[in-house]
Amino acid sequence: MKEPGLNLIRKFQLREMNLDFMGYELSPNDIFTFHHLIIPNCKNGPYTEWNGAILCGGSSHPYLHIIGEVDYDMFLAITKEMIIQNMKGYLDRKNLLRIRCVLQSFEKEYYGNKEKCKYTIKEEYLKRPPLDEPLTRKKVLISK
């Protein structure tokens, strides 16, 4: 990962909390990935901190792109919450709960409905840890 992504991981203490910008845990064989927030990669969006969010490569990142293909409004709602967190400089429980609400709405409408969603919503996309209040987590799965 390039320096802006590494800076976001450090700044947001994602390794210590073992959470990404959507509230997913990094599983043992997974990696953090950089997601372009405001100007997408397909439009030559810059790989900069202000334009990025860190997501889990095996769960939240591919899931977010599926959501974007199936329901662009829900994709934008999640993206908005991640932009707000990026601007705040920390993962905020309220933003993560709003993201969780959008994810649950998406799953209620599309999970198992091949007529509405041609993509498979994998079981790992549905696995999300509890969001304790206040948001204080210790790394439990990954050790380096």
Protein backbone atom coordinates (compact mmCIF):
# COMPACT_ATOMS: atom_id res chain seq x y z
CA MET A 1 0.00 0.00 0.00
CA LYS A 2 1.21 3.50 -0.81
CA GLU A 3 2.05 6.12 1.83
CA PRO A 4 -1.37 7.91 1.94
CA GLY A 5 -3.07 4.60 2.73
CA LEU A 6 -0.51 3.74 5.39
CA ASN A 7 -0.98 7.21 6.88
CA LEU A 8 -4.74 6.62 7.14
CA ILE A 9 -4.16 3.26 8.85
CA ARG A 10 -1.87 4.94 11.41
CA LYS A 11 -3.97 8.08 11.88
CA PHE A 12 -7.20 6.13 12.44
CA GLN A 13 -5.44 3.40 14.50
CA LEU A 14 -7.11 0.76 12.35
CA ARG A 15 -4.65 -2.01 13.21
CA GLU A 16 -5.10 -1.38 16.94
CA MET A 17 -8.91 -1.39 16.67
CA ASN A 18 -8.97 -4.04 13.93
CA LEU A 19 -11.74 -2.11 12.14
CA ASP A 20 -12.07 -0.47 8.76
CA PHE A 21 -14.06 2.60 7.69
CA MET A 22 -17.24 0.49 7.28
CA GLY A 23 -16.95 -1.25 10.66
CA TYR A 24 -15.62 -4.58 9.40
CA GLU A 25 -12.89 -6.57 11.11
CA LEU A 26 -9.79 -7.62 9.26
CA SER A 27 -9.71 -11.42 9.16
CA PRO A 28 -6.38 -13.26 9.58
CA ASN A 29 -5.71 -13.77 5.85
CA ASP A 30 -7.06 -10.41 4.69
CA ILE A 31 -5.44 -7.05 3.95
CA PHE A 32 -6.46 -3.43 4.28
CA THR A 33 -7.11 -1.78 0.91
CA PHE A 34 -7.46 1.83 -0.24
CA HIS A 35 -10.87 2.93 -1.52
CA HIS A 36 -11.24 6.20 -3.43
CA LEU A 37 -14.05 8.21 -1.82
CA ILE A 38 -14.70 11.45 -3.68
CA ILE A 39 -13.03 11.06 -7.06
CA PRO A 40 -13.08 7.38 -8.04
CA ASN A 41 -10.08 5.51 -9.31
CA CYS A 42 -11.80 4.97 -12.68
CA LYS A 43 -11.81 8.76 -13.13
CA ASN A 44 -8.13 9.04 -12.17
CA GLY A 45 -8.96 10.03 -8.61
CA PRO A 46 -5.88 10.91 -6.60
CA TYR A 47 -4.41 8.43 -4.16
CA THR A 48 -4.44 10.93 -1.31
CA GLU A 49 -5.61 10.87 2.30
CA TRP A 50 -8.49 13.29 1.69
CA ASN A 51 -9.81 11.05 -1.10
CA GLY A 52 -9.47 7.73 0.70
CA ALA A 53 -10.94 5.23 3.08
CA ILE A 54 -9.38 1.99 4.26
CA LEU A 55 -11.46 -1.13 3.74
CA CYS A 56 -10.94 -4.87 4.16
CA GLY A 57 -9.95 -6.38 0.83
CA GLY A 58 -11.86 -9.62 1.28
CA SER A 59 -15.15 -8.32 2.66
CA SER A 60 -16.14 -4.67 2.86
CA HIS A 61 -14.29 -3.42 -0.22
CA PRO A 62 -15.78 -5.88 -2.74
CA TYR A 63 -19.14 -5.64 -0.97
CA LEU A 64 -19.20 -1.85 -1.30
CA HIS A 65 -18.57 -2.16 -5.05
CA ILE A 66 -21.43 -4.67 -5.36
CA ILE A 67 -23.69 -2.22 -3.53
CA GLY A 68 -22.58 0.49 -5.96
CA GLU A 69 -23.57 -1.68 -8.94
CA VAL A 70 -26.94 -2.69 -7.48
CA ASP A 71 -28.14 0.40 -5.58
CA TYR A 72 -26.13 3.54 -6.22
CA ASP A 73 -28.09 5.60 -3.66
CA MET A 74 -27.10 3.19 -0.88
CA PHE A 75 -23.51 3.27 -2.13
CA LEU A 76 -23.57 7.07 -1.89
CA ALA A 77 -25.07 6.95 1.61
CA ILE A 78 -22.22 4.71 2.81
CA THR A 79 -19.63 6.83 1.00
CA LYS A 80 -21.00 9.99 2.64
CA GLU A 81 -20.49 8.50 6.10
CA MET A 82 -16.94 7.45 5.25
CA ILE A 83 -16.16 10.95 3.92
CA ILE A 84 -17.41 12.43 7.19
CA GLN A 85 -15.18 10.06 9.17
CA ASN A 86 -12.23 10.97 6.96
CA MET A 87 -12.87 14.66 7.64
CA LYS A 88 -13.20 14.03 11.40
CA GLY A 89 -9.95 12.08 11.47
CA TYR A 90 -11.31 9.14 13.45
CA LEU A 91 -13.83 6.31 13.24
CA ASP A 92 -17.04 7.57 14.78
CA ARG A 93 -19.53 5.11 16.24
CA LYS A 94 -22.48 7.19 14.97
CA ASN A 95 -21.19 7.11 11.39
CA LEU A 96 -20.45 3.38 11.65
CA LEU A 97 -23.99 2.76 12.93
CA ARG A 98 -25.43 4.73 9.98
CA ILE A 99 -23.33 2.60 7.62
CA ARG A 100 -24.57 -0.52 9.40
CA CYS A 101 -28.17 0.66 8.94
CA VAL A 102 -27.63 1.13 5.19
CA LEU A 103 -26.01 -2.31 4.94
CA GLN A 104 -28.95 -3.90 6.74
CA SER A 105 -31.41 -2.10 4.43
CA PHE A 106 -29.47 -3.32 1.41
CA GLU A 107 -29.49 -6.89 2.70
CA LYS A 108 -33.20 -6.74 3.53
CA GLU A 109 -34.00 -5.66 -0.03
CA TYR A 110 -31.47 -7.68 -2.04
CA TYR A 111 -30.15 -10.68 -0.08
CA GLY A 112 -31.29 -13.87 -1.79
CA ASN A 113 -33.28 -11.96 -4.44
CA LYS A 114 -31.72 -12.94 -7.79
CA GLU A 115 -34.30 -10.87 -9.67
CA LYS A 116 -33.10 -7.66 -8.02
CA CYS A 117 -29.43 -8.54 -7.45
CA LYS A 118 -27.39 -10.62 -9.88
CA TYR A 119 -24.45 -10.73 -7.43
CA THR A 120 -23.92 -13.20 -4.62
CA ILE A 121 -23.95 -11.55 -1.21
CA LYS A 122 -21.39 -13.75 0.53
CA GLU A 123 -21.66 -14.80 4.16
CA GLU A 124 -18.46 -12.89 5.03
CA TYR A 125 -20.17 -9.67 3.91
CA LEU A 126 -22.77 -10.21 6.63
CA LYS A 127 -20.28 -10.73 9.47
CA ARG A 128 -19.77 -7.49 11.34
CA PRO A 129 -18.58 -7.04 14.92
CA PRO A 130 -20.61 -5.23 17.59
CA LEU A 131 -19.96 -1.51 17.80
CA ASP A 132 -19.45 -0.89 21.50
CA GLU A 133 -20.03 2.48 23.08
CA PRO A 134 -17.72 4.25 23.33
CA LEU A 135 -15.85 2.88 20.34
CA THR A 136 -12.85 1.39 22.10
CA ARG A 137 -11.52 -1.80 20.67
CA LYS A 138 -8.33 -3.73 21.05
CA LYS A 139 -6.76 -5.75 18.31
CA VAL A 140 -7.70 -9.38 18.75
CA LEU A 141 -7.35 -11.20 15.41
CA ILE A 142 -4.25 -9.87 13.69
CA SER A 143 -0.75 -9.95 15.07
CA LYS A 144 2.34 -8.56 13.35
